[in-house]
Amino acid sequence: MNHSSFTRPGCFSSEEGSAPTHRILVVDDEAINRRLFLQVLELEGIACDEARDGIEALAKMPRNNYDLVLLDIDMPRLPGTEVLRRLRMAPPFPHLKVIMMSGRATGDEMACMMRGGADDYLSKPFSLVQLVERVKAALRLKMAQERTDLLNRNLLTLNHELEQGLLSRDSDLIHARNALVLSLAELVCHRDAETGTHLMRLQHYVRLLAEEAAKTSSFARQIDGHFIQMLECCAPLHDIGKVGVPDHILQKPGRLTEDERRVMQRHTVIAADTLQKVARVHGFAVAFFQMAVEIARHHHERFDGTGYPDRLSGEEIPLSARIVAIADVYDALRSERIYKPGLPHADALRIMVKEDVGHFDPFLLGAFAQRCLDFDRIFQQLTD
């Protein structure tokens, strides 16, 4: 550890002499490292707990509302990589930040851990300045995400109150809108050799997944009954942009060329642009069109940033699109196509949870794993 470059940065508490505003858990099997990290971070107004290995760290999680875990990789009994996996599969707190540390893993290996849910990493030896600044940066990001959650909750509440005021007066219009959405999406499905039951399954999937995710601390503040109703209505619009894809590409039985794939990927932008244009011209149902645009444009983004069309990553991807992505991929894997057979539930589950690493939000994937048998039941019941 390089101590010579350490200078004490400014205090990170809300005001001079105030109680610490953040709490972190330092997990390292070397006691001297734990003591040093605690001393330095507590000088910055950050409350710290310590754990000597991964098992002790996981035991402390339910009893303490941590903002960040400083997690060593090379530990006895339970390595840091397994602790990270468990934290991301069953998040104990919303927006919990994890910074990995190692003196043996290469920089590339450490960077790859961010696909598994790490927020940052430190390669030992590192200076205390690096430690403090990386921790403070992660905590600032957490605060920004919490402010965004609060804003989204306020917007959802406001939209809900407005729509509830209209519901008794305009319930027939809302039912008509929902039916029209489904009819429009079914027309597009017929061009793509899809079926209306695919859309019905998708609506059941997203409701099931959103309800399960809402039980967790990571999503309880973002998902309410109004969000779920809107998601269920908007989900069938995810592929309406395919109406702008030429038949020879959309209905091609074999593998697409690179140029054809780029044309196919444009369906996300076509749909989003069309929906945005309608919203601007008519200026009604703002919340509905906002979610519809998010789903249509971003349901092919990947959590690791390698998707399309905008290569968004992590929580940059709207929550509605992250939910639809899981439902849409599951149904695509299970369904028979001209160019492939449908897969059994177990094979689809294995691909999504174990093989396609980096595609999905790991927190939502955990909720999916909890209810995957219900996904299979929906597929069985609503298959032509």
Protein backbone atom coordinates (compact mmCIF):
# COMPACT_ATOMS: atom_id res chain seq x y z
CA MET A 1 0.00 0.00 0.00
CA ASN A 2 1.42 3.37 -0.98
CA HIS A 3 0.94 5.82 1.91
CA SER A 4 3.22 8.57 0.68
CA SER A 5 0.77 10.04 -1.80
CA PHE A 6 -2.07 10.38 0.74
CA THR A 7 -3.34 13.81 1.62
CA ARG A 8 -6.61 14.26 3.42
CA PRO A 9 -9.36 15.46 1.03
CA GLY A 10 -12.33 17.48 2.24
CA CYS A 11 -14.78 15.92 4.68
CA PHE A 12 -17.69 14.08 3.11
CA SER A 13 -20.25 14.62 5.87
CA SER A 14 -23.13 17.02 5.37
CA GLU A 15 -21.73 19.69 7.69
CA GLU A 16 -18.78 20.16 10.04
CA GLY A 17 -19.19 18.09 13.18
CA SER A 18 -22.35 16.33 11.94
CA ALA A 19 -22.96 12.61 12.15
CA PRO A 20 -21.69 10.54 9.20
CA THR A 21 -24.06 10.57 6.25
CA HIS A 22 -22.92 7.27 4.76
CA ARG A 23 -22.09 3.80 6.02
CA ILE A 24 -19.78 1.33 4.32
CA LEU A 25 -18.56 -2.20 5.01
CA VAL A 26 -14.85 -2.95 4.58
CA VAL A 27 -14.28 -6.63 3.79
CA ASP A 28 -10.65 -7.80 3.81
CA ASP A 29 -8.93 -10.78 5.44
CA GLU A 30 -5.92 -8.64 6.41
CA ALA A 31 -6.57 -6.82 9.68
CA ILE A 32 -3.95 -4.13 9.01
CA ASN A 33 -5.73 -3.17 5.79
CA ARG A 34 -9.12 -3.01 7.50
CA ARG A 35 -7.81 -0.77 10.28
CA LEU A 36 -6.10 1.58 7.82
CA PHE A 37 -9.15 1.87 5.57
CA LEU A 38 -11.44 2.50 8.54
CA GLN A 39 -9.20 5.22 9.97
CA VAL A 40 -8.91 7.03 6.65
CA LEU A 41 -12.58 6.83 5.68
CA GLU A 42 -13.86 7.79 9.12
CA LEU A 43 -11.75 10.95 8.88
CA GLU A 44 -13.91 11.77 5.86
CA GLY A 45 -17.11 11.52 7.89
CA ILE A 46 -18.00 8.03 6.66
CA ALA A 47 -19.12 5.44 9.21
CA CYS A 48 -17.42 2.09 8.66
CA ASP A 49 -17.94 -1.51 9.73
CA GLU A 50 -15.50 -4.32 9.00
CA ALA A 51 -15.64 -8.00 8.13
CA ARG A 52 -12.71 -10.41 7.88
CA ASP A 53 -14.22 -12.59 5.13
CA GLY A 54 -17.18 -12.99 2.81
CA ILE A 55 -19.30 -15.10 5.17
CA GLU A 56 -19.05 -12.53 7.94
CA ALA A 57 -19.84 -9.76 5.44
CA LEU A 58 -23.04 -11.44 4.23
CA ALA A 59 -24.11 -12.07 7.83
CA LYS A 60 -23.82 -8.36 8.63
CA MET A 61 -25.79 -7.22 5.57
CA PRO A 62 -29.38 -7.71 6.82
CA ARG A 63 -28.66 -5.85 10.07
CA ASN A 64 -27.10 -2.71 8.57
CA ASN A 65 -28.20 -0.33 5.84
CA TYR A 66 -24.90 0.00 3.98
CA ASP A 67 -24.34 2.39 1.09
CA LEU A 68 -21.15 0.73 -0.18
CA VAL A 69 -19.08 -2.43 0.24
CA LEU A 70 -15.30 -2.27 -0.17
CA LEU A 71 -14.69 -5.90 -1.09
CA ASP A 72 -11.40 -7.80 -1.35
CA ILE A 73 -11.39 -10.67 -3.85
CA ASP A 74 -8.79 -13.02 -2.38
CA MET A 75 -10.24 -14.21 0.95
CA PRO A 76 -10.59 -17.58 2.69
CA ARG A 77 -13.92 -19.40 3.05
CA LEU A 78 -15.78 -17.24 0.50
CA PRO A 79 -14.05 -15.17 -2.20
CA GLY A 80 -15.13 -11.66 -3.03
CA THR A 81 -16.43 -12.69 -6.44
CA GLU A 82 -18.99 -15.01 -4.84
CA VAL A 83 -20.00 -12.33 -2.33
CA LEU A 84 -20.57 -9.94 -5.26
CA ARG A 85 -22.69 -12.54 -7.09
CA ARG A 86 -24.90 -13.09 -4.05
CA LEU A 87 -25.32 -9.38 -3.41
CA ARG A 88 -26.42 -8.79 -6.99
CA MET A 89 -28.74 -11.81 -7.14
CA ALA A 90 -30.52 -10.76 -3.92
CA PRO A 91 -29.79 -7.05 -3.35
CA PRO A 92 -30.13 -6.14 0.34
CA PHE A 93 -30.50 -2.40 -0.36
CA PRO A 94 -31.33 -0.24 -3.39
CA HIS A 95 -28.32 1.09 -5.31
CA LEU A 96 -25.78 -0.65 -3.06
CA LYS A 97 -22.32 0.15 -4.43
CA VAL A 98 -19.52 -2.43 -4.52
CA ILE A 99 -15.85 -1.62 -5.11
CA MET A 100 -13.65 -4.68 -5.66
CA MET A 101 -10.00 -4.87 -4.53
CA SER A 102 -7.22 -7.30 -5.43
CA GLY A 103 -3.47 -7.55 -5.50
CA ARG A 104 -3.39 -10.60 -7.79
CA ALA A 105 -6.09 -10.07 -10.43
CA THR A 106 -5.04 -8.19 -13.55
CA GLY A 107 -6.59 -4.87 -14.51
CA ASP A 108 -8.54 -6.58 -17.29
CA GLU A 109 -9.85 -9.25 -14.91
CA MET A 110 -10.92 -6.56 -12.47
CA ALA A 111 -12.64 -4.59 -15.22
CA CYS A 112 -14.55 -7.70 -16.31
CA MET A 113 -16.01 -7.95 -12.81
CA MET A 114 -18.05 -4.86 -13.57
CA ARG A 115 -20.11 -7.09 -15.87
CA GLY A 116 -20.96 -9.11 -12.80
CA GLY A 117 -22.23 -6.04 -10.97
CA ALA A 118 -19.15 -4.33 -9.50
CA ASP A 119 -19.31 -0.53 -9.64
CA ASP A 120 -15.55 0.07 -9.56
CA TYR A 121 -12.28 -1.62 -8.69
CA LEU A 122 -8.92 -0.88 -7.08
CA SER A 123 -5.76 -2.81 -7.95
CA LYS A 124 -3.41 -3.18 -4.97
CA PRO A 125 -1.22 -1.41 -4.14
CA PHE A 126 -3.20 1.80 -4.38
CA SER A 127 -2.79 5.15 -2.67
CA LEU A 128 -5.12 6.32 0.07
CA VAL A 129 -6.08 9.26 -2.14
CA GLN A 130 -7.30 6.78 -4.75
CA LEU A 131 -9.23 4.90 -2.09
CA VAL A 132 -10.99 8.00 -0.75
CA GLU A 133 -11.81 9.47 -4.15
CA ARG A 134 -13.16 6.20 -5.58
CA VAL A 135 -15.35 5.70 -2.51
CA LYS A 136 -16.64 9.29 -2.64
CA ALA A 137 -17.36 9.01 -6.37
CA ALA A 138 -19.41 5.83 -5.82
CA LEU A 139 -21.33 7.45 -2.96
CA ARG A 140 -22.08 10.52 -5.09
CA LEU A 141 -23.48 8.24 -7.80
CA LYS A 142 -25.67 6.49 -5.22
CA MET A 143 -27.02 9.83 -3.99
CA ALA A 144 -27.79 10.88 -7.57
CA GLN A 145 -29.65 7.61 -8.19
CA GLU A 146 -31.64 8.07 -4.99
CA ARG A 147 -32.61 11.60 -6.05
CA THR A 148 -33.68 10.23 -9.43
CA ASP A 149 -35.78 7.57 -7.69
CA LEU A 150 -37.46 10.24 -5.60
CA LEU A 151 -38.19 12.36 -8.66
CA ASN A 152 -39.59 9.34 -10.52
CA ARG A 153 -41.80 8.44 -7.57
CA ASN A 154 -43.12 11.98 -7.41
CA LEU A 155 -43.81 11.96 -11.15
CA LEU A 156 -45.54 8.59 -10.95
CA THR A 157 -47.66 9.81 -8.06
CA LEU A 158 -48.61 12.96 -9.93
CA ASN A 159 -49.44 11.07 -13.11
CA HIS A 160 -51.44 8.56 -11.10
CA GLU A 161 -53.44 11.31 -9.39
CA LEU A 162 -54.16 12.96 -12.72
CA GLU A 163 -55.21 9.73 -14.38
CA GLN A 164 -57.32 8.69 -11.38
CA GLY A 165 -59.15 11.98 -11.70
CA LEU A 166 -59.95 11.12 -15.30
CA LEU A 167 -60.62 7.43 -14.72
CA SER A 168 -64.20 7.65 -13.55
CA ARG A 169 -65.01 10.07 -16.35
CA ASP A 170 -62.95 8.52 -19.12
CA SER A 171 -62.67 4.82 -18.25
CA ASP A 172 -64.18 3.81 -21.59
CA LEU A 173 -61.50 5.83 -23.39
CA ILE A 174 -58.73 4.13 -21.42
CA HIS A 175 -60.11 0.67 -22.18
CA ALA A 176 -60.43 1.64 -25.83
CA ARG A 177 -56.81 2.85 -25.85
CA ASN A 178 -55.57 -0.42 -24.40
CA ALA A 179 -57.55 -2.45 -26.91
CA LEU A 180 -56.30 -0.29 -29.77
CA VAL A 181 -52.69 -0.75 -28.65
CA LEU A 182 -53.09 -4.52 -28.66
CA SER A 183 -54.78 -4.50 -32.05
CA LEU A 184 -52.07 -2.32 -33.59
CA ALA A 185 -49.32 -4.55 -32.17
CA GLU A 186 -51.09 -7.69 -33.48
CA LEU A 187 -51.10 -6.26 -37.00
CA VAL A 188 -47.32 -5.93 -36.83
CA CYS A 189 -47.03 -9.46 -35.43
CA HIS A 190 -48.79 -10.85 -38.49
CA ARG A 191 -46.07 -9.36 -40.73
CA ASP A 192 -43.43 -10.96 -38.55
CA ALA A 193 -45.12 -14.39 -38.50
CA GLU A 194 -45.81 -13.81 -34.79
CA THR A 195 -49.11 -14.53 -33.05
CA GLY A 196 -51.39 -12.55 -30.80
CA THR A 197 -50.69 -15.01 -28.01
CA HIS A 198 -47.07 -13.81 -28.01
CA LEU A 199 -48.31 -10.36 -27.00
CA MET A 200 -50.64 -11.80 -24.37
CA ARG A 201 -47.77 -13.83 -22.93
CA LEU A 202 -45.57 -10.75 -22.91
CA GLN A 203 -48.16 -8.80 -20.93
CA HIS A 204 -48.43 -11.61 -18.38
CA TYR A 205 -44.63 -11.91 -18.13
CA VAL A 206 -43.99 -8.21 -17.50
CA ARG A 207 -46.73 -7.97 -14.88
CA LEU A 208 -45.37 -11.05 -13.08
CA LEU A 209 -41.77 -9.81 -13.21
CA ALA A 210 -42.64 -6.27 -12.12
CA GLU A 211 -44.73 -7.52 -9.20
CA GLU A 212 -41.87 -9.76 -8.04
CA ALA A 213 -39.28 -7.00 -8.45
CA ALA A 214 -41.49 -4.59 -6.45
CA LYS A 215 -41.06 -6.87 -3.41
CA THR A 216 -37.30 -6.12 -3.30
CA SER A 217 -35.68 -3.08 -1.77
CA SER A 218 -34.00 -2.28 -5.10
CA PHE A 219 -37.29 -1.59 -6.89
CA ALA A 220 -39.94 -1.08 -4.20
CA ARG A 221 -39.72 2.70 -4.60
CA GLN A 222 -39.88 2.63 -8.39
CA ILE A 223 -42.64 0.13 -9.07
CA ASP A 224 -46.21 0.63 -7.94
CA GLY A 225 -49.57 -0.55 -9.24
CA HIS A 226 -49.83 2.33 -11.69
CA PHE A 227 -46.37 1.58 -13.12
CA ILE A 228 -47.35 -2.08 -13.60
CA GLN A 229 -50.63 -1.21 -15.34
CA MET A 230 -48.85 1.17 -17.70
CA LEU A 231 -46.09 -1.38 -18.37
CA GLU A 232 -48.61 -4.09 -19.17
CA CYS A 233 -50.38 -1.80 -21.66
CA CYS A 234 -47.19 -0.46 -23.34
CA ALA A 235 -45.27 -3.74 -23.63
CA PRO A 236 -47.05 -4.94 -26.81
CA LEU A 237 -45.76 -1.85 -28.62
CA HIS A 238 -42.14 -2.95 -28.26
CA ASP A 239 -41.79 -4.16 -31.87
CA ILE A 240 -44.20 -1.91 -33.78
CA GLY A 241 -41.20 -0.37 -35.58
CA LYS A 242 -40.92 -3.60 -37.56
CA VAL A 243 -43.67 -2.19 -39.77
CA GLY A 244 -40.87 -0.11 -41.33
CA VAL A 245 -38.58 -3.10 -42.03
CA PRO A 246 -38.72 -4.53 -45.60
CA ASP A 247 -40.40 -7.92 -46.00
CA HIS A 248 -37.32 -9.61 -47.48
CA ILE A 249 -35.45 -8.87 -44.25
CA LEU A 250 -38.26 -9.25 -41.73
CA GLN A 251 -39.39 -12.60 -43.12
CA LYS A 252 -36.00 -13.99 -44.16
CA PRO A 253 -35.76 -17.61 -42.96
CA GLY A 254 -31.95 -17.71 -42.74
CA ARG A 255 -29.26 -15.71 -40.97
CA LEU A 256 -29.21 -11.98 -41.70
CA THR A 257 -26.18 -10.31 -43.26
CA GLU A 258 -24.47 -7.51 -41.38
CA ASP A 259 -26.24 -4.87 -43.52
CA GLU A 260 -29.59 -6.60 -43.07
CA ARG A 261 -29.04 -6.76 -39.33
CA ARG A 262 -28.44 -3.01 -39.20
CA VAL A 263 -31.70 -2.42 -41.08
CA MET A 264 -33.54 -4.75 -38.70
CA GLN A 265 -32.12 -2.94 -35.68
CA ARG A 266 -33.61 0.30 -36.98
CA HIS A 267 -37.06 -0.92 -35.89
CA THR A 268 -36.32 0.40 -32.40
CA VAL A 269 -35.68 3.93 -33.66
CA ILE A 270 -38.59 3.87 -36.12
CA ALA A 271 -41.03 2.99 -33.35
CA ALA A 272 -39.67 5.51 -30.86
CA ASP A 273 -39.63 8.36 -33.41
CA THR A 274 -43.21 7.61 -34.48
CA LEU A 275 -44.52 7.49 -30.92
CA GLN A 276 -42.68 10.70 -30.01
CA LYS A 277 -44.16 12.45 -33.04
CA VAL A 278 -47.69 11.44 -32.01
CA ALA A 279 -47.06 12.63 -28.45
CA ARG A 280 -45.74 16.01 -29.64
CA VAL A 281 -48.58 16.64 -32.07
CA HIS A 282 -51.44 15.64 -29.79
CA GLY A 283 -49.98 16.36 -26.35
CA PHE A 284 -52.06 13.87 -24.37
CA ALA A 285 -51.31 10.76 -22.26
CA VAL A 286 -47.76 11.97 -21.67
CA ALA A 287 -46.84 9.23 -19.18
CA PHE A 288 -48.20 6.53 -21.49
CA PHE A 289 -46.21 7.74 -24.49
CA GLN A 290 -43.04 8.25 -22.44
CA MET A 291 -43.06 4.62 -21.30
CA ALA A 292 -44.02 3.38 -24.77
CA VAL A 293 -41.07 5.25 -26.30
CA GLU A 294 -38.67 3.92 -23.64
CA ILE A 295 -39.73 0.33 -24.29
CA ALA A 296 -39.77 0.57 -28.08
CA ARG A 297 -36.34 2.21 -28.32
CA HIS A 298 -34.44 0.46 -25.56
CA HIS A 299 -35.73 -3.13 -25.17
CA HIS A 300 -32.67 -4.40 -27.12
CA GLU A 301 -30.12 -2.55 -24.98
CA ARG A 302 -27.88 -4.76 -22.85
CA PHE A 303 -26.93 -4.14 -19.22
CA ASP A 304 -23.23 -4.34 -20.15
CA GLY A 305 -23.60 -1.60 -22.79
CA THR A 306 -23.24 -3.76 -25.92
CA GLY A 307 -26.86 -3.57 -27.09
CA TYR A 308 -28.58 -1.21 -29.51
CA PRO A 309 -29.51 1.41 -30.66
CA ASP A 310 -27.82 3.70 -28.11
CA ARG A 311 -25.45 1.30 -26.29
CA LEU A 312 -26.86 2.33 -22.94
CA SER A 313 -25.64 0.40 -19.92
CA GLY A 314 -26.80 -0.36 -16.40
CA GLU A 315 -29.43 1.93 -14.98
CA GLU A 316 -29.11 4.26 -17.96
CA ILE A 317 -31.57 1.83 -19.57
CA PRO A 318 -35.14 2.71 -18.51
CA LEU A 319 -36.57 0.26 -16.01
CA SER A 320 -39.57 -0.50 -18.23
CA ALA A 321 -37.25 -1.53 -21.08
CA ARG A 322 -35.10 -3.69 -18.78
CA ILE A 323 -38.21 -5.61 -17.69
CA VAL A 324 -39.52 -6.07 -21.23
CA ALA A 325 -36.07 -7.27 -22.38
CA ILE A 326 -36.20 -10.25 -20.03
CA ALA A 327 -39.77 -11.14 -20.98
CA ASP A 328 -39.13 -10.76 -24.72
CA VAL A 329 -35.95 -12.85 -24.76
CA TYR A 330 -37.54 -15.62 -22.70
CA ASP A 331 -40.47 -15.84 -25.09
CA ALA A 332 -38.19 -15.70 -28.14
CA LEU A 333 -36.09 -18.60 -26.82
CA ARG A 334 -39.17 -20.69 -26.08
CA SER A 335 -40.95 -19.99 -29.38
CA GLU A 336 -40.51 -21.90 -32.62
CA ARG A 337 -39.45 -19.88 -35.66
CA ILE A 338 -38.86 -20.68 -39.33
CA TYR A 339 -35.14 -20.64 -38.66
CA LYS A 340 -35.06 -22.40 -35.23
CA PRO A 341 -36.97 -24.76 -32.94
CA GLY A 342 -38.40 -23.60 -29.64
CA LEU A 343 -36.32 -24.42 -26.56
CA PRO A 344 -37.53 -26.18 -23.41
CA HIS A 345 -37.90 -24.02 -20.31
CA ALA A 346 -34.74 -25.40 -18.66
CA ASP A 347 -32.58 -24.55 -21.69
CA ALA A 348 -34.00 -21.03 -21.95
CA LEU A 349 -33.40 -20.50 -18.23
CA ARG A 350 -29.81 -21.74 -18.48
CA ILE A 351 -29.02 -19.41 -21.39
CA MET A 352 -30.50 -16.35 -19.69
CA VAL A 353 -29.13 -16.88 -16.18
CA LYS A 354 -25.78 -18.61 -16.81
CA GLU A 355 -24.65 -18.18 -20.40
CA ASP A 356 -25.78 -14.76 -21.58
CA VAL A 357 -23.79 -12.88 -18.93
CA GLY A 358 -24.13 -9.11 -19.14
CA HIS A 359 -27.39 -9.02 -21.08
CA PHE A 360 -29.86 -8.36 -18.27
CA ASP A 361 -30.16 -6.29 -15.12
CA PRO A 362 -28.84 -8.74 -12.48
CA PHE A 363 -31.40 -7.55 -9.91
CA LEU A 364 -34.30 -8.18 -12.30
CA LEU A 365 -32.72 -11.47 -13.32
CA GLY A 366 -32.89 -12.51 -9.68
CA ALA A 367 -36.61 -11.71 -9.62
CA PHE A 368 -37.03 -13.67 -12.86
CA ALA A 369 -35.26 -16.69 -11.33
CA GLN A 370 -37.68 -16.57 -8.39
CA ARG A 371 -40.73 -16.76 -10.70
CA CYS A 372 -39.34 -18.66 -13.68
CA LEU A 373 -41.73 -21.59 -13.18
CA ASP A 374 -44.62 -19.17 -13.53
CA PHE A 375 -43.10 -17.96 -16.80
CA ASP A 376 -43.16 -21.58 -18.00
CA ARG A 377 -46.78 -21.94 -16.89
CA ILE A 378 -47.77 -18.80 -18.82
CA PHE A 379 -46.00 -20.08 -21.93
CA GLN A 380 -47.73 -23.45 -21.70
CA GLN A 381 -51.18 -21.96 -21.15
CA LEU A 382 -50.97 -19.28 -23.85
CA THR A 383 -49.30 -21.13 -26.70
CA ASP A 384 -51.20 -21.62 -29.95
